[in-house]
Amino acid sequence: MKSHLIIFFSLISQLCLANMASPLREGTHAASAFSSRDIDILREIIQVSIDKDFSRASYRITYHIQTDSAGQQVPLLFLARDYLGDFQVWVDDKEVQLLAIPNEYLLTPDSLLQRFSNTFRPDGATRGEPAVVIQWQKNSGEYYHFYDLKYFEIDLDKGPHTIRVAYNASVWTDISDWVKQSSFRYALSPAKYWRSFGSLEIELDATAFDRPFSTNLGAPHSGSLQDKAVWQYDELPAEHFEIIFQPGINAFASLLIVIGPFGLTLLMGVFLVILHYWAIRSYRNRHPDRRHSWVVSLGSLVVPFLLLIFYMEAYELIDLAIGPAAGRYHGYTFLVIFYYPVLLLFYWLSMWRVDKYLKRRISKS
């Protein structure tokens, strides 16, 4: 018996842990670069191409910069995480190697990272370590430290230079709603810390993807989302740039979502109660003198149980109607079974009163 209880509670704990997982499956953390206070970024051009399955996006970013000083320096820092394949960087058409920031740079007060001290500042939430918040969605951001970033060191002449970046990004998936939502996210918020902001151009090529989607930037300034879209700004338009795709669903699935599991359970409840009432009435018509009705007892045990089971299965019913696009993230639906004793008592008393009323009415007739 003890071993059976251990197995039961182990299964329950596994189910709980599974439902505690975040509904957001994070993809590539793409972001604008952090700039040294020795340079001006005159222009940033973000070129994004989406593949035919909306599972991968190709990013090509170009920075036109102006540096005030000559010599060895770290002009930009990059958040290069969870990307697909290589993260490539070119300076004036010469490829450079992107490296993790060495410990000596983190520990030395007068290292080249001091040129970024106006961006990375100590915070109580980071235990006094220099950090910055990057926004990945509205009103939601994460802290990042120097050791989360990558850098390159290069000898630059004073004057204008061009830095190009190229990488492939994986998709983000949010399954918190009935229909899962896919997106590619690019944080623009690092540009808030640039010494100067010249202009921003975003070019989106979606010719390979033939289904409707949207962005958080509204209608493009030129072109169209179904082909090639372009946005141009002389100030930061948002904390992040997000390309969003949520599959369409059929009318039947939409109707089931509107009704919801609770509404479907109510409809099923009406059907079962009417069926049970008909059985009680038929039994009383045949046996008006019997004190107790086994139909009341059996139905009172079965109907509440069936309703709770149906409520749990209603989520699966809606998911099946939605199809492969279903989010399937519904929390602890199995816990409704603990309402069974309360529902059983309430329903049994109600049906007992109904049976008592029918018995009295039939006896008088």
Protein backbone atom coordinates (compact mmCIF):
# COMPACT_ATOMS: atom_id res chain seq x y z
CA MET A 1 0.00 0.00 0.00
CA LYS A 2 2.80 2.38 0.93
CA SER A 3 4.58 1.76 -2.37
CA HIS A 4 1.37 2.46 -4.31
CA LEU A 5 0.93 5.78 -2.51
CA ILE A 6 4.53 6.74 -3.28
CA ILE A 7 4.00 5.98 -6.98
CA PHE A 8 0.71 7.95 -7.00
CA PHE A 9 2.18 11.07 -5.42
CA SER A 10 5.26 10.82 -7.64
CA LEU A 11 3.02 10.91 -10.70
CA ILE A 12 1.08 13.87 -9.30
CA SER A 13 4.32 15.78 -8.60
CA GLN A 14 5.55 15.11 -12.15
CA LEU A 15 2.30 16.47 -13.57
CA CYS A 16 2.58 19.56 -11.39
CA LEU A 17 6.17 20.20 -12.46
CA ALA A 18 5.19 19.78 -16.10
CA ASN A 19 2.45 22.40 -15.75
CA MET A 20 4.74 24.77 -13.84
CA ALA A 21 6.98 25.10 -16.92
CA SER A 22 6.89 28.44 -18.67
CA PRO A 23 4.48 28.64 -21.62
CA LEU A 24 7.09 30.70 -23.49
CA ARG A 25 9.64 28.69 -25.48
CA GLU A 26 12.41 31.19 -26.04
CA GLY A 27 14.22 31.42 -29.35
CA THR A 28 17.21 33.54 -30.32
CA HIS A 29 17.86 36.63 -28.20
CA ALA A 30 18.60 39.06 -31.03
CA ALA A 31 19.40 42.65 -30.11
CA SER A 32 21.01 45.86 -31.27
CA ALA A 33 24.62 46.28 -30.22
CA PHE A 34 25.83 48.27 -27.23
CA SER A 35 28.15 51.07 -28.32
CA SER A 36 31.22 52.59 -26.74
CA ARG A 37 30.94 56.21 -25.67
CA ASP A 38 33.77 56.99 -28.11
CA ILE A 39 31.60 56.38 -31.18
CA ASP A 40 28.47 57.74 -32.79
CA ILE A 41 26.14 55.36 -34.60
CA LEU A 42 25.02 57.31 -37.61
CA ARG A 43 22.73 54.63 -39.00
CA GLU A 44 21.53 51.12 -38.20
CA ILE A 45 20.03 48.97 -40.96
CA ILE A 46 18.27 45.78 -39.87
CA GLN A 47 17.48 43.32 -42.66
CA VAL A 48 15.36 40.31 -41.75
CA SER A 49 14.34 37.42 -44.00
CA ILE A 50 11.82 34.80 -42.86
CA ASP A 51 11.89 31.21 -44.12
CA LYS A 52 8.89 29.41 -45.62
CA ASP A 53 8.00 27.63 -42.34
CA PHE A 54 8.35 30.62 -40.00
CA SER A 55 10.91 28.63 -38.03
CA ARG A 56 14.08 30.55 -38.87
CA ALA A 57 14.94 34.15 -39.64
CA SER A 58 18.10 35.51 -41.22
CA TYR A 59 19.39 38.77 -39.69
CA ARG A 60 21.79 41.11 -41.48
CA ILE A 61 22.57 44.26 -39.50
CA THR A 62 24.74 47.12 -40.68
CA TYR A 63 26.09 49.86 -38.41
CA HIS A 64 27.51 53.04 -39.89
CA ILE A 65 29.67 54.51 -37.13
CA GLN A 66 31.93 57.49 -36.52
CA THR A 67 34.77 57.10 -34.03
CA ASP A 68 36.38 60.03 -32.23
CA SER A 69 39.63 58.28 -31.41
CA ALA A 70 42.24 56.19 -33.17
CA GLY A 71 43.89 53.04 -31.87
CA GLN A 72 42.95 49.76 -30.24
CA GLN A 73 39.36 49.79 -29.04
CA VAL A 74 36.13 47.86 -28.47
CA PRO A 75 33.51 49.76 -30.49
CA LEU A 76 30.52 47.45 -29.92
CA LEU A 77 29.34 44.71 -27.58
CA PHE A 78 26.91 42.05 -28.79
CA LEU A 79 24.34 39.86 -27.11
CA ALA A 80 25.02 36.74 -29.16
CA ARG A 81 22.95 33.94 -27.62
CA ASP A 82 20.96 30.97 -28.88
CA TYR A 83 21.58 31.78 -32.53
CA LEU A 84 21.77 29.12 -35.26
CA GLY A 85 25.14 28.48 -36.85
CA ASP A 86 27.74 31.25 -36.85
CA PHE A 87 27.54 34.81 -35.57
CA GLN A 88 29.67 36.72 -38.08
CA VAL A 89 31.03 40.26 -37.82
CA TRP A 90 32.85 42.33 -40.44
CA VAL A 91 34.57 45.69 -39.91
CA ASP A 92 35.06 47.61 -43.15
CA ASP A 93 34.47 44.32 -45.04
CA LYS A 94 37.13 42.48 -43.03
CA GLU A 95 35.80 39.62 -40.90
CA VAL A 96 36.73 39.73 -37.22
CA GLN A 97 36.42 37.07 -34.54
CA LEU A 98 33.79 37.53 -31.86
CA LEU A 99 35.01 36.48 -28.41
CA ALA A 100 33.72 36.06 -24.89
CA ILE A 101 34.79 38.95 -22.66
CA PRO A 102 37.89 37.82 -20.68
CA ASN A 103 37.90 37.89 -16.88
CA GLU A 104 40.73 40.42 -16.74
CA TYR A 105 38.52 42.92 -18.56
CA LEU A 106 35.77 42.33 -16.02
CA LEU A 107 38.11 42.80 -13.05
CA THR A 108 40.36 45.61 -14.31
CA PRO A 109 38.94 49.08 -13.51
CA ASP A 110 40.66 50.80 -16.47
CA SER A 111 39.92 48.17 -19.14
CA LEU A 112 38.33 49.02 -22.47
CA LEU A 113 34.96 48.08 -20.96
CA GLN A 114 35.02 51.36 -19.05
CA ARG A 115 33.87 52.92 -22.30
CA PHE A 116 30.52 51.22 -21.64
CA SER A 117 30.14 52.27 -17.99
CA ASN A 118 27.34 54.71 -18.86
CA THR A 119 25.28 51.72 -20.05
CA PHE A 120 26.12 49.00 -17.52
CA ARG A 121 25.49 50.21 -13.99
CA PRO A 122 25.27 48.49 -10.60
CA ASP A 123 21.77 47.69 -9.44
CA GLY A 124 20.27 46.34 -6.25
CA ALA A 125 18.57 43.57 -8.19
CA THR A 126 21.96 42.43 -9.54
CA ARG A 127 23.78 42.55 -6.17
CA GLY A 128 25.80 45.56 -7.17
CA GLU A 129 27.15 44.08 -10.41
CA PRO A 130 27.08 46.28 -13.53
CA ALA A 131 24.08 45.26 -15.63
CA VAL A 132 21.53 46.53 -18.12
CA VAL A 133 17.91 45.61 -18.85
CA ILE A 134 16.96 44.45 -22.34
CA GLN A 135 13.29 44.40 -23.34
CA TRP A 136 12.02 41.33 -25.24
CA GLN A 137 8.35 42.22 -25.03
CA LYS A 138 6.20 45.06 -23.72
CA ASN A 139 6.75 45.71 -20.00
CA SER A 140 9.05 42.71 -19.71
CA GLY A 141 12.83 42.64 -19.69
CA GLU A 142 15.85 40.76 -18.39
CA TYR A 143 19.08 41.82 -16.71
CA TYR A 144 22.30 41.21 -18.62
CA HIS A 145 25.89 41.53 -17.43
CA PHE A 146 29.16 42.01 -19.27
CA TYR A 147 29.82 38.27 -19.15
CA ASP A 148 26.58 37.65 -21.08
CA LEU A 149 27.97 39.58 -24.05
CA LYS A 150 30.67 39.11 -26.68
CA TYR A 151 33.17 41.55 -28.11
CA PHE A 152 35.89 42.12 -30.65
CA GLU A 153 38.94 44.34 -30.28
CA ILE A 154 40.33 46.19 -33.27
CA ASP A 155 42.65 49.02 -34.26
CA LEU A 156 40.51 51.75 -35.85
CA ASP A 157 41.40 55.03 -37.46
CA LYS A 158 39.51 58.13 -36.47
CA GLY A 159 36.52 58.69 -38.76
CA PRO A 160 33.70 56.67 -40.35
CA HIS A 161 33.55 52.87 -40.43
CA THR A 162 31.04 50.18 -41.33
CA ILE A 163 30.33 47.17 -39.12
CA ARG A 164 28.19 44.32 -40.46
CA VAL A 165 26.66 41.47 -38.49
CA ALA A 166 25.04 38.27 -39.82
CA TYR A 167 23.39 35.33 -38.07
CA ASN A 168 20.33 33.07 -38.19
CA ALA A 169 17.71 33.15 -35.44
CA SER A 170 15.33 30.50 -34.14
CA VAL A 171 11.67 31.22 -33.44
CA TRP A 172 10.02 32.02 -30.09
CA THR A 173 6.83 30.09 -29.31
CA ASP A 174 4.16 31.17 -26.84
CA ILE A 175 1.68 28.41 -25.95
CA SER A 176 -0.17 30.27 -23.18
CA ASP A 177 -3.28 30.82 -25.34
CA TRP A 178 -5.55 28.33 -27.09
CA VAL A 179 -3.65 28.89 -30.35
CA LYS A 180 0.12 29.02 -30.11
CA GLN A 181 1.88 32.13 -31.31
CA SER A 182 5.28 32.19 -33.00
CA SER A 183 7.53 35.22 -33.17
CA PHE A 184 10.99 36.55 -33.90
CA ARG A 185 12.17 39.18 -31.44
CA TYR A 186 14.85 41.81 -31.83
CA ALA A 187 15.53 44.12 -28.90
CA LEU A 188 15.96 47.75 -29.96
CA SER A 189 16.35 48.98 -26.37
CA PRO A 190 20.21 48.94 -26.36
CA ALA A 191 20.01 51.91 -28.74
CA LYS A 192 18.70 54.00 -25.83
CA TYR A 193 22.24 53.98 -24.43
CA TRP A 194 24.03 55.04 -27.60
CA ARG A 195 25.83 58.35 -27.44
CA SER A 196 23.83 59.43 -30.47
CA PHE A 197 21.02 57.97 -32.54
CA GLY A 198 21.14 58.83 -36.22
CA SER A 199 18.57 56.81 -38.13
CA LEU A 200 17.09 53.33 -38.10
CA GLU A 201 15.91 51.37 -41.10
CA ILE A 202 14.19 47.98 -40.83
CA GLU A 203 13.76 45.86 -43.95
CA LEU A 204 11.62 42.73 -43.73
CA ASP A 205 11.58 40.17 -46.54
CA ALA A 206 8.72 37.68 -46.16
CA THR A 207 8.43 36.55 -49.77
CA ALA A 208 9.16 32.92 -48.77
CA PHE A 209 6.31 32.86 -46.23
CA ASP A 210 2.83 32.89 -47.74
CA ARG A 211 0.58 33.21 -44.66
CA PRO A 212 -0.70 36.35 -42.88
CA PHE A 213 1.39 37.71 -40.02
CA SER A 214 1.93 41.01 -38.21
CA THR A 215 4.52 43.12 -36.42
CA ASN A 216 4.40 45.42 -33.41
CA LEU A 217 5.43 48.42 -35.54
CA GLY A 218 2.19 48.77 -37.47
CA ALA A 219 1.96 49.30 -41.21
CA PRO A 220 5.30 49.63 -43.05
CA HIS A 221 6.33 52.99 -44.45
CA SER A 222 6.84 51.38 -47.84
CA GLY A 223 6.19 47.98 -49.38
CA SER A 224 3.93 45.36 -47.79
CA LEU A 225 4.21 42.58 -45.23
CA GLN A 226 3.33 39.97 -47.87
CA ASP A 227 6.34 40.98 -49.95
CA LYS A 228 9.08 43.32 -48.72
CA ALA A 229 8.36 45.91 -46.04
CA VAL A 230 10.47 48.88 -44.95
CA TRP A 231 10.26 51.09 -41.84
CA GLN A 232 12.40 54.20 -41.41
CA TYR A 233 12.86 56.15 -38.17
CA ASP A 234 14.94 58.99 -36.79
CA GLU A 235 14.10 57.96 -33.21
CA LEU A 236 13.54 54.67 -31.43
CA PRO A 237 10.01 53.42 -32.36
CA ALA A 238 9.72 50.78 -29.62
CA GLU A 239 11.70 48.79 -27.08
CA HIS A 240 11.74 45.80 -29.41
CA PHE A 241 10.83 44.72 -32.93
CA GLU A 242 8.61 41.64 -33.07
CA ILE A 243 7.39 39.64 -36.06
CA ILE A 244 4.31 37.66 -35.03
CA PHE A 245 2.50 34.72 -36.59
CA GLN A 246 -0.60 33.04 -35.16
CA PRO A 247 -2.23 30.39 -37.37
CA GLY A 248 -5.86 30.81 -38.33
CA ILE A 249 -8.39 28.23 -37.12
CA ASN A 250 -11.72 26.96 -38.44
CA ALA A 251 -15.12 28.34 -37.40
CA PHE A 252 -15.99 25.27 -35.33
CA ALA A 253 -12.82 25.60 -33.25
CA SER A 254 -13.49 29.33 -32.79
CA LEU A 255 -17.00 28.54 -31.53
CA LEU A 256 -15.67 25.99 -29.04
CA ILE A 257 -13.13 28.52 -27.74
CA VAL A 258 -15.92 31.07 -27.21
CA ILE A 259 -18.03 28.52 -25.32
CA GLY A 260 -15.00 27.28 -23.37
CA PRO A 261 -14.58 24.12 -21.28
CA PHE A 262 -16.91 25.42 -18.56
CA GLY A 263 -19.65 26.25 -21.06
CA LEU A 264 -19.31 22.88 -22.76
CA THR A 265 -19.53 21.19 -19.36
CA LEU A 266 -22.70 23.14 -18.55
CA LEU A 267 -24.27 21.97 -21.81
CA MET A 268 -23.29 18.39 -21.06
CA GLY A 269 -24.60 18.85 -17.51
CA VAL A 270 -28.01 19.94 -18.80
CA PHE A 271 -28.15 16.85 -21.01
CA LEU A 272 -27.14 14.45 -18.21
CA VAL A 273 -29.50 16.02 -15.67
CA ILE A 274 -32.44 15.78 -18.11
CA LEU A 275 -31.51 12.15 -18.80
CA HIS A 276 -31.24 11.40 -15.08
CA TYR A 277 -34.54 13.17 -14.36
CA TRP A 278 -36.27 11.10 -17.05
CA ALA A 279 -34.86 7.89 -15.50
CA ILE A 280 -36.00 8.94 -11.99
CA ARG A 281 -39.47 9.79 -13.23
CA SER A 282 -39.79 6.50 -15.15
CA TYR A 283 -38.73 4.55 -12.08
CA ARG A 284 -41.23 6.39 -9.86
CA ASN A 285 -44.06 5.82 -12.32
CA ARG A 286 -43.37 2.08 -12.11
CA HIS A 287 -42.60 1.94 -8.35
CA PRO A 288 -44.50 4.77 -6.62
CA ASP A 289 -44.55 3.05 -3.22
CA ARG A 290 -40.87 2.24 -2.81
CA ARG A 291 -39.15 4.32 -0.18
CA HIS A 292 -35.76 4.64 -1.90
CA SER A 293 -34.86 4.94 -5.56
CA TRP A 294 -31.67 3.21 -6.65
CA VAL A 295 -31.84 5.35 -9.84
CA VAL A 296 -31.36 8.48 -7.70
CA SER A 297 -28.37 6.94 -5.91
CA LEU A 298 -26.65 5.54 -8.98
CA GLY A 299 -27.20 8.66 -11.05
CA SER A 300 -26.01 10.91 -8.22
CA LEU A 301 -22.76 8.97 -8.14
CA VAL A 302 -22.26 8.84 -11.89
CA VAL A 303 -23.42 12.26 -13.17
CA PRO A 304 -21.05 14.46 -11.07
CA PHE A 305 -18.15 12.15 -11.90
CA LEU A 306 -18.92 12.24 -15.63
CA LEU A 307 -19.19 16.04 -15.55
CA LEU A 308 -15.76 16.44 -13.95
CA ILE A 309 -14.21 13.99 -16.41
CA PHE A 310 -15.91 15.80 -19.29
CA TYR A 311 -14.58 19.14 -18.02
CA MET A 312 -11.02 17.79 -18.14
CA GLU A 313 -11.57 16.26 -21.57
CA ALA A 314 -13.21 19.45 -22.90
CA TYR A 315 -9.75 21.01 -23.15
CA GLU A 316 -8.60 18.11 -25.30
CA LEU A 317 -11.76 18.39 -27.41
CA ILE A 318 -11.05 22.05 -28.15
CA ASP A 319 -7.38 21.28 -28.85
CA LEU A 320 -8.39 18.57 -31.33
CA ALA A 321 -10.70 21.03 -33.10
CA ILE A 322 -7.88 23.57 -33.33
CA GLY A 323 -5.43 21.00 -34.68
CA PRO A 324 -1.61 21.25 -34.76
CA ALA A 325 -1.75 24.96 -33.87
CA ALA A 326 -3.21 24.25 -30.41
CA GLY A 327 -1.21 25.62 -27.49
CA ARG A 328 -2.14 22.70 -25.17
CA TYR A 329 -1.10 24.59 -22.03
CA HIS A 330 -3.97 24.33 -19.57
CA GLY A 331 -2.57 24.03 -16.08
CA TYR A 332 -3.82 21.69 -13.37
CA THR A 333 -7.13 20.61 -14.91
CA PHE A 334 -6.96 17.22 -13.16
CA LEU A 335 -7.38 18.94 -9.79
CA VAL A 336 -11.10 19.44 -10.45
CA ILE A 337 -11.59 15.82 -9.40
CA PHE A 338 -11.18 16.99 -5.80
CA TYR A 339 -14.51 18.81 -6.16
CA TYR A 340 -16.25 15.45 -6.57
CA PRO A 341 -17.37 15.00 -2.92
CA VAL A 342 -18.91 18.50 -2.78
CA LEU A 343 -20.59 18.16 -6.16
CA LEU A 344 -21.78 14.66 -5.29
CA LEU A 345 -23.42 15.83 -2.05
CA PHE A 346 -25.09 18.84 -3.67
CA TYR A 347 -26.37 16.82 -6.64
CA TRP A 348 -27.57 13.88 -4.55
CA LEU A 349 -29.57 16.16 -2.23
CA SER A 350 -31.08 17.94 -5.25
CA MET A 351 -32.11 14.70 -6.97
CA TRP A 352 -33.41 13.27 -3.69
CA ARG A 353 -35.72 16.29 -3.34
CA VAL A 354 -36.83 15.87 -6.97
CA ASP A 355 -37.59 12.18 -6.37
CA LYS A 356 -39.46 13.03 -3.17
CA TYR A 357 -41.58 15.58 -5.04
CA LEU A 358 -42.35 13.09 -7.84
CA LYS A 359 -43.27 10.38 -5.35
CA ARG A 360 -45.67 12.71 -3.52
CA ARG A 361 -47.29 13.93 -6.74
CA ILE A 362 -47.74 10.41 -8.14
CA SER A 363 -49.21 9.19 -4.84
CA LYS A 364 -51.87 11.93 -4.92
CA SER A 365 -52.90 11.20 -8.49
